[in-house]
């Protein structure tokens, strides 16, 4: 399994849950599970909010 940072990075470039799952080599349900946990840890309710919070925390960097 890739790290949370990898999942956040894929989310940040706009990949869908299915695309994230494919990139990570897991099922879509597993990708959704990890995203749900990340949202909870970041205090985010939406994908864009999760990316913004992760950027503000210095977890990911947008190019």
PDB file of N, CA and C in Angstrom:
ATOM      1  N   UNK A   1       0.849  -1.185   0.000  1.00  0.00           N
ATOM      2  CA  UNK A   1       0.000   0.000   0.000  1.00  0.00           C
ATOM      3  C   UNK A   1       0.889   1.240   0.000  1.00  0.00           C
ATOM      4  N   UNK A   2       0.486   2.198  -0.745  1.00  0.00           N
ATOM      5  CA  UNK A   2       1.183   3.481  -0.790  1.00  0.00           C
ATOM      6  C   UNK A   2       0.867   4.272   0.476  1.00  0.00           C
ATOM      7  N   UNK A   3       1.554   5.368   0.654  1.00  0.00           N
ATOM      8  CA  UNK A   3       1.346   6.199   1.842  1.00  0.00           C
ATOM      9  C   UNK A   3       0.137   7.119   1.667  1.00  0.00           C
ATOM     10  N   UNK A   4      -0.256   7.723   2.765  1.00  0.00           N
ATOM     11  CA  UNK A   4      -1.349   8.699   2.737  1.00  0.00           C
ATOM     12  C   UNK A   4      -1.002   9.857   1.820  1.00  0.00           C
ATOM     13  N   UNK A   5       0.270  10.216   1.777  1.00  0.00           N
ATOM     14  CA  UNK A   5       0.717  11.316   0.923  1.00  0.00           C
ATOM     15  C   UNK A   5       0.485  10.956  -0.544  1.00  0.00           C
ATOM     16  N   UNK A   6       0.720   9.705  -0.902  1.00  0.00           N
ATOM     17  CA  UNK A   6       0.480   9.270  -2.276  1.00  0.00           C
ATOM     18  C   UNK A   6      -1.000   9.399  -2.624  1.00  0.00           C
ATOM     19  N   UNK A   7      -1.860   8.990  -1.696  1.00  0.00           N
ATOM     20  CA  UNK A   7      -3.307   9.091  -1.917  1.00  0.00           C
ATOM     21  C   UNK A   7      -3.704  10.559  -2.063  1.00  0.00           C
ATOM     22  N   UNK A   8      -3.194  11.406  -1.193  1.00  0.00           N
ATOM     23  CA  UNK A   8      -3.503  12.837  -1.269  1.00  0.00           C
ATOM     24  C   UNK A   8      -3.003  13.454  -2.567  1.00  0.00           C
ATOM     25  N   UNK A   9      -1.826  13.048  -3.003  1.00  0.00           N
ATOM     26  CA  UNK A   9      -1.271  13.574  -4.249  1.00  0.00           C
ATOM     27  C   UNK A   9      -2.135  13.196  -5.445  1.00  0.00           C
ATOM     28  N   UNK A  10      -2.620  11.968  -5.461  1.00  0.00           N
ATOM     29  CA  UNK A  10      -3.499  11.529  -6.545  1.00  0.00           C
ATOM     30  C   UNK A  10      -4.821  12.279  -6.497  1.00  0.00           C
ATOM     31  N   UNK A  11      -5.314  12.508  -5.298  1.00  0.00           N
ATOM     32  CA  UNK A  11      -6.540  13.280  -5.121  1.00  0.00           C
ATOM     33  C   UNK A  11      -6.341  14.705  -5.624  1.00  0.00           C
ATOM     34  N   UNK A  12      -5.181  15.267  -5.324  1.00  0.00           N
ATOM     35  CA  UNK A  12      -4.887  16.653  -5.692  1.00  0.00           C
ATOM     36  C   UNK A  12      -4.841  16.876  -7.199  1.00  0.00           C
ATOM     37  N   UNK A  13      -4.446  15.855  -7.956  1.00  0.00           N
ATOM     38  CA  UNK A  13      -4.399  16.022  -9.411  1.00  0.00           C
ATOM     39  C   UNK A  13      -5.745  15.731 -10.056  1.00  0.00           C
ATOM     40  N   UNK A  14      -6.750  15.451  -9.229  1.00  0.00           N
ATOM     41  CA  UNK A  14      -8.105  15.336  -9.737  1.00  0.00           C
ATOM     42  C   UNK A  14      -8.554  13.948 -10.150  1.00  0.00           C
ATOM     43  N   UNK A  15      -7.830  12.919  -9.712  1.00  0.00           N
ATOM     44  CA  UNK A  15      -8.237  11.568 -10.081  1.00  0.00           C
ATOM     45  C   UNK A  15      -9.503  11.154  -9.343  1.00  0.00           C
ATOM     46  N   UNK A  16     -10.301  10.346 -10.000  1.00  0.00           N
ATOM     47  CA  UNK A  16     -11.507   9.803  -9.379  1.00  0.00           C
ATOM     48  C   UNK A  16     -11.121   8.667  -8.437  1.00  0.00           C
ATOM     49  N   UNK A  17     -12.061   8.208  -7.636  1.00  0.00           N
ATOM     50  CA  UNK A  17     -11.798   7.084  -6.741  1.00  0.00           C
ATOM     51  C   UNK A  17     -11.330   5.863  -7.536  1.00  0.00           C
ATOM     52  N   UNK A  18     -11.967   5.614  -8.649  1.00  0.00           N
ATOM     53  CA  UNK A  18     -11.611   4.466  -9.488  1.00  0.00           C
ATOM     54  C   UNK A  18     -10.184   4.605 -10.018  1.00  0.00           C
ATOM     55  N   UNK A  19      -9.826   5.795 -10.436  1.00  0.00           N
ATOM     56  CA  UNK A  19      -8.477   6.041 -10.958  1.00  0.00           C
ATOM     57  C   UNK A  19      -7.425   5.937  -9.850  1.00  0.00           C
ATOM     58  N   UNK A  20      -7.759   6.443  -8.675  1.00  0.00           N
ATOM     59  CA  UNK A  20      -6.848   6.331  -7.528  1.00  0.00           C
ATOM     60  C   UNK A  20      -6.632   4.854  -7.203  1.00  0.00           C
ATOM     61  N   UNK A  21      -7.705   4.094  -7.165  1.00  0.00           N
ATOM     62  CA  UNK A  21      -7.601   2.658  -6.883  1.00  0.00           C
ATOM     63  C   UNK A  21      -6.704   1.965  -7.904  1.00  0.00           C
ATOM     64  N   UNK A  22      -6.886   2.284  -9.160  1.00  0.00           N
ATOM     65  CA  UNK A  22      -6.085   1.677 -10.220  1.00  0.00           C
ATOM     66  C   UNK A  22      -4.604   2.010 -10.039  1.00  0.00           C
ATOM     67  N   UNK A  23      -4.311   3.268  -9.735  1.00  0.00           N
ATOM     68  CA  UNK A  23      -2.924   3.702  -9.538  1.00  0.00           C
ATOM     69  C   UNK A  23      -2.269   2.998  -8.344  1.00  0.00           C
ATOM     70  N   UNK A  24      -3.050   2.748  -7.307  1.00  0.00           N
ATOM     71  CA  UNK A  24      -2.523   2.140  -6.084  1.00  0.00           C
ATOM     72  C   UNK A  24      -2.564   0.621  -6.110  1.00  0.00           C
ATOM     73  N   UNK A  25      -3.281   0.062  -7.077  1.00  0.00           N
ATOM     74  CA  UNK A  25      -3.390  -1.395  -7.163  1.00  0.00           C
ATOM     75  C   UNK A  25      -4.295  -1.986  -6.101  1.00  0.00           C
ATOM     76  N   UNK A  26      -5.343  -1.236  -5.750  1.00  0.00           N
ATOM     77  CA  UNK A  26      -6.319  -1.698  -4.761  1.00  0.00           C
ATOM     78  C   UNK A  26      -7.720  -1.598  -5.369  1.00  0.00           C
ATOM     79  N   UNK A  27      -8.710  -2.105  -4.635  1.00  0.00           N
ATOM     80  CA  UNK A  27     -10.082  -1.988  -5.119  1.00  0.00           C
ATOM     81  C   UNK A  27     -10.591  -0.570  -4.899  1.00  0.00           C
ATOM     82  N   UNK A  28     -11.647  -0.233  -5.604  1.00  0.00           N
ATOM     83  CA  UNK A  28     -12.244   1.089  -5.429  1.00  0.00           C
ATOM     84  C   UNK A  28     -12.767   1.263  -4.002  1.00  0.00           C
ATOM     85  N   UNK A  29     -13.299   0.191  -3.429  1.00  0.00           N
ATOM     86  CA  UNK A  29     -13.798   0.253  -2.050  1.00  0.00           C
ATOM     87  C   UNK A  29     -12.661   0.576  -1.076  1.00  0.00           C
ATOM     88  N   UNK A  30     -11.496   0.007  -1.307  1.00  0.00           N
ATOM     89  CA  UNK A  30     -10.338   0.283  -0.450  1.00  0.00           C
ATOM     90  C   UNK A  30      -9.901   1.733  -0.597  1.00  0.00           C
ATOM     91  N   UNK A  31      -9.895   2.234  -1.815  1.00  0.00           N
ATOM     92  CA  UNK A  31      -9.531   3.631  -2.049  1.00  0.00           C
ATOM     93  C   UNK A  31     -10.515   4.553  -1.329  1.00  0.00           C
ATOM     94  N   UNK A  32     -11.804   4.261  -1.423  1.00  0.00           N
ATOM     95  CA  UNK A  32     -12.814   5.068  -0.742  1.00  0.00           C
ATOM     96  C   UNK A  32     -12.614   5.042   0.765  1.00  0.00           C
ATOM     97  N   UNK A  33     -12.277   3.860   1.292  1.00  0.00           N
ATOM     98  CA  UNK A  33     -12.032   3.708   2.724  1.00  0.00           C
ATOM     99  C   UNK A  33     -10.879   4.608   3.171  1.00  0.00           C
ATOM    100  N   UNK A  34      -9.778   4.580   2.426  1.00  0.00           N
ATOM    101  CA  UNK A  34      -8.619   5.401   2.768  1.00  0.00           C
ATOM    102  C   UNK A  34      -8.943   6.893   2.649  1.00  0.00           C
ATOM    103  N   UNK A  35      -9.673   7.266   1.607  1.00  0.00           N
ATOM    104  CA  UNK A  35     -10.055   8.673   1.443  1.00  0.00           C
ATOM    105  C   UNK A  35     -10.946   9.139   2.586  1.00  0.00           C
ATOM    106  N   UNK A  36     -11.890   8.299   2.975  1.00  0.00           N
ATOM    107  CA  UNK A  36     -12.783   8.644   4.082  1.00  0.00           C
ATOM    108  C   UNK A  36     -11.983   8.879   5.360  1.00  0.00           C
ATOM    109  N   UNK A  37     -11.002   8.007   5.617  1.00  0.00           N
ATOM    110  CA  UNK A  37     -10.159   8.173   6.806  1.00  0.00           C
ATOM    111  C   UNK A  37      -9.316   9.438   6.715  1.00  0.00           C
ATOM    112  N   UNK A  38      -8.778   9.723   5.535  1.00  0.00           N
ATOM    113  CA  UNK A  38      -8.000  10.955   5.348  1.00  0.00           C
ATOM    114  C   UNK A  38      -8.854  12.184   5.578  1.00  0.00           C
ATOM    115  N   UNK A  39     -10.076  12.175   5.038  1.00  0.00           N
ATOM    116  CA  UNK A  39     -10.976  13.309   5.233  1.00  0.00           C
ATOM    117  C   UNK A  39     -11.202  13.543   6.725  1.00  0.00           C
ATOM    118  N   UNK A  40     -11.415  12.467   7.461  1.00  0.00           N
ATOM    119  CA  UNK A  40     -11.634  12.578   8.899  1.00  0.00           C
ATOM    120  C   UNK A  40     -10.426  13.159   9.618  1.00  0.00           C
ATOM    121  N   UNK A  41      -9.243  12.672   9.279  1.00  0.00           N
ATOM    122  CA  UNK A  41      -8.016  13.156   9.923  1.00  0.00           C
ATOM    123  C   UNK A  41      -7.722  14.608   9.581  1.00  0.00           C
ATOM    124  N   UNK A  42      -8.103  15.015   8.379  1.00  0.00           N
ATOM    125  CA  UNK A  42      -7.869  16.398   7.952  1.00  0.00           C
ATOM    126  C   UNK A  42      -9.011  17.331   8.351  1.00  0.00           C
ATOM    127  N   UNK A  43     -10.113  16.765   8.824  1.00  0.00           N
ATOM    128  CA  UNK A  43     -11.274  17.581   9.179  1.00  0.00           C
ATOM    129  C   UNK A  43     -11.957  18.144   7.951  1.00  0.00           C
ATOM    130  N   UNK A  44     -11.891  17.397   6.858  1.00  0.00           N
ATOM    131  CA  UNK A  44     -12.452  17.858   5.583  1.00  0.00           C
ATOM    132  C   UNK A  44     -13.719  17.088   5.248  1.00  0.00           C
ATOM    133  N   UNK A  45     -14.642  17.776   4.606  1.00  0.00           N
ATOM    134  CA  UNK A  45     -15.887  17.130   4.196  1.00  0.00           C
ATOM    135  C   UNK A  45     -15.975  16.955   2.677  1.00  0.00           C
ATOM    136  N   UNK A  46     -15.050  17.584   1.958  1.00  0.00           N
ATOM    137  CA  UNK A  46     -15.049  17.494   0.494  1.00  0.00           C
ATOM    138  C   UNK A  46     -13.628  17.265  -0.001  1.00  0.00           C
ATOM    139  N   UNK A  47     -13.543  16.775  -1.229  1.00  0.00           N
ATOM    140  CA  UNK A  47     -12.240  16.484  -1.832  1.00  0.00           C
ATOM    141  C   UNK A  47     -11.364  17.733  -1.914  1.00  0.00           C
ATOM    142  N   UNK A  48     -11.952  18.834  -2.394  1.00  0.00           N
ATOM    143  CA  UNK A  48     -11.171  20.063  -2.548  1.00  0.00           C
ATOM    144  C   UNK A  48     -10.708  20.605  -1.199  1.00  0.00           C
ATOM    145  N   UNK A  49     -11.540  20.451  -0.195  1.00  0.00           N
ATOM    146  CA  UNK A  49     -11.176  20.894   1.145  1.00  0.00           C
ATOM    147  C   UNK A  49     -10.013  20.057   1.677  1.00  0.00           C
ATOM    148  N   UNK A  50     -10.040  18.756   1.440  1.00  0.00           N
ATOM    149  CA  UNK A  50      -8.955  17.874   1.886  1.00  0.00           C
ATOM    150  C   UNK A  50      -7.636  18.293   1.246  1.00  0.00           C
ATOM    151  N   UNK A  51      -7.676  18.605  -0.048  1.00  0.00           N
ATOM    152  CA  UNK A  51      -6.467  19.032  -0.757  1.00  0.00           C
ATOM    153  C   UNK A  51      -5.973  20.361  -0.201  1.00  0.00           C
ATOM    154  N   UNK A  52      -6.868  21.294   0.033  1.00  0.00           N
ATOM    155  CA  UNK A  52      -6.491  22.607   0.573  1.00  0.00           C
ATOM    156  C   UNK A  52      -5.863  22.481   1.952  1.00  0.00           C
ATOM    157  N   UNK A  53      -6.452  21.675   2.804  1.00  0.00           N
ATOM    158  CA  UNK A  53      -5.927  21.485   4.156  1.00  0.00           C
ATOM    159  C   UNK A  53      -4.564  20.809   4.089  1.00  0.00           C
ATOM    160  N   UNK A  54      -4.432  19.795   3.242  1.00  0.00           N
ATOM    161  CA  UNK A  54      -3.152  19.091   3.105  1.00  0.00           C
ATOM    162  C   UNK A  54      -2.060  20.044   2.613  1.00  0.00           C
ATOM    163  N   UNK A  55      -2.415  20.927   1.683  1.00  0.00           N
ATOM    164  CA  UNK A  55      -1.454  21.922   1.198  1.00  0.00           C
ATOM    165  C   UNK A  55      -1.061  22.878   2.322  1.00  0.00           C
ATOM    166  N   UNK A  56      -2.036  23.355   3.058  1.00  0.00           N
ATOM    167  CA  UNK A  56      -1.778  24.298   4.143  1.00  0.00           C
ATOM    168  C   UNK A  56      -0.900  23.676   5.227  1.00  0.00           C
ATOM    169  N   UNK A  57      -1.029  22.372   5.420  1.00  0.00           N
ATOM    170  CA  UNK A  57      -0.233  21.662   6.422  1.00  0.00           C
ATOM    171  C   UNK A  57       1.142  21.282   5.883  1.00  0.00           C
ATOM    172  N   UNK A  58       1.371  21.521   4.603  1.00  0.00           N
ATOM    173  CA  UNK A  58       2.655  21.183   4.005  1.00  0.00           C
ATOM    174  C   UNK A  58       2.800  19.709   3.685  1.00  0.00           C
ATOM    175  N   UNK A  59       1.687  18.988   3.632  1.00  0.00           N
ATOM    176  CA  UNK A  59       1.728  17.556   3.343  1.00  0.00           C
ATOM    177  C   UNK A  59       1.937  17.285   1.850  1.00  0.00           C
ATOM    178  N   UNK A  60       1.359  18.145   1.020  1.00  0.00           N
ATOM    179  CA  UNK A  60       1.519  18.019  -0.423  1.00  0.00           C
ATOM    180  C   UNK A  60       1.828  19.399  -0.986  1.00  0.00           C
ATOM    181  N   UNK A  61       2.439  19.382  -2.143  1.00  0.00           N
ATOM    182  CA  UNK A  61       2.789  20.641  -2.814  1.00  0.00           C
ATOM    183  C   UNK A  61       2.222  20.604  -4.221  1.00  0.00           C
ATOM    184  N   UNK A  62       1.505  21.650  -4.577  1.00  0.00           N
ATOM    185  CA  UNK A  62       0.945  21.743  -5.921  1.00  0.00           C
ATOM    186  C   UNK A  62       1.965  22.415  -6.822  1.00  0.00           C
ATOM    187  N   UNK A  63       2.042  21.926  -8.044  1.00  0.00           N
ATOM    188  CA  UNK A  63       2.990  22.495  -9.011  1.00  0.00           C
ATOM    189  C   UNK A  63       2.342  23.527  -9.871  1.00  0.00           C
TER     190      UNK A  63
END
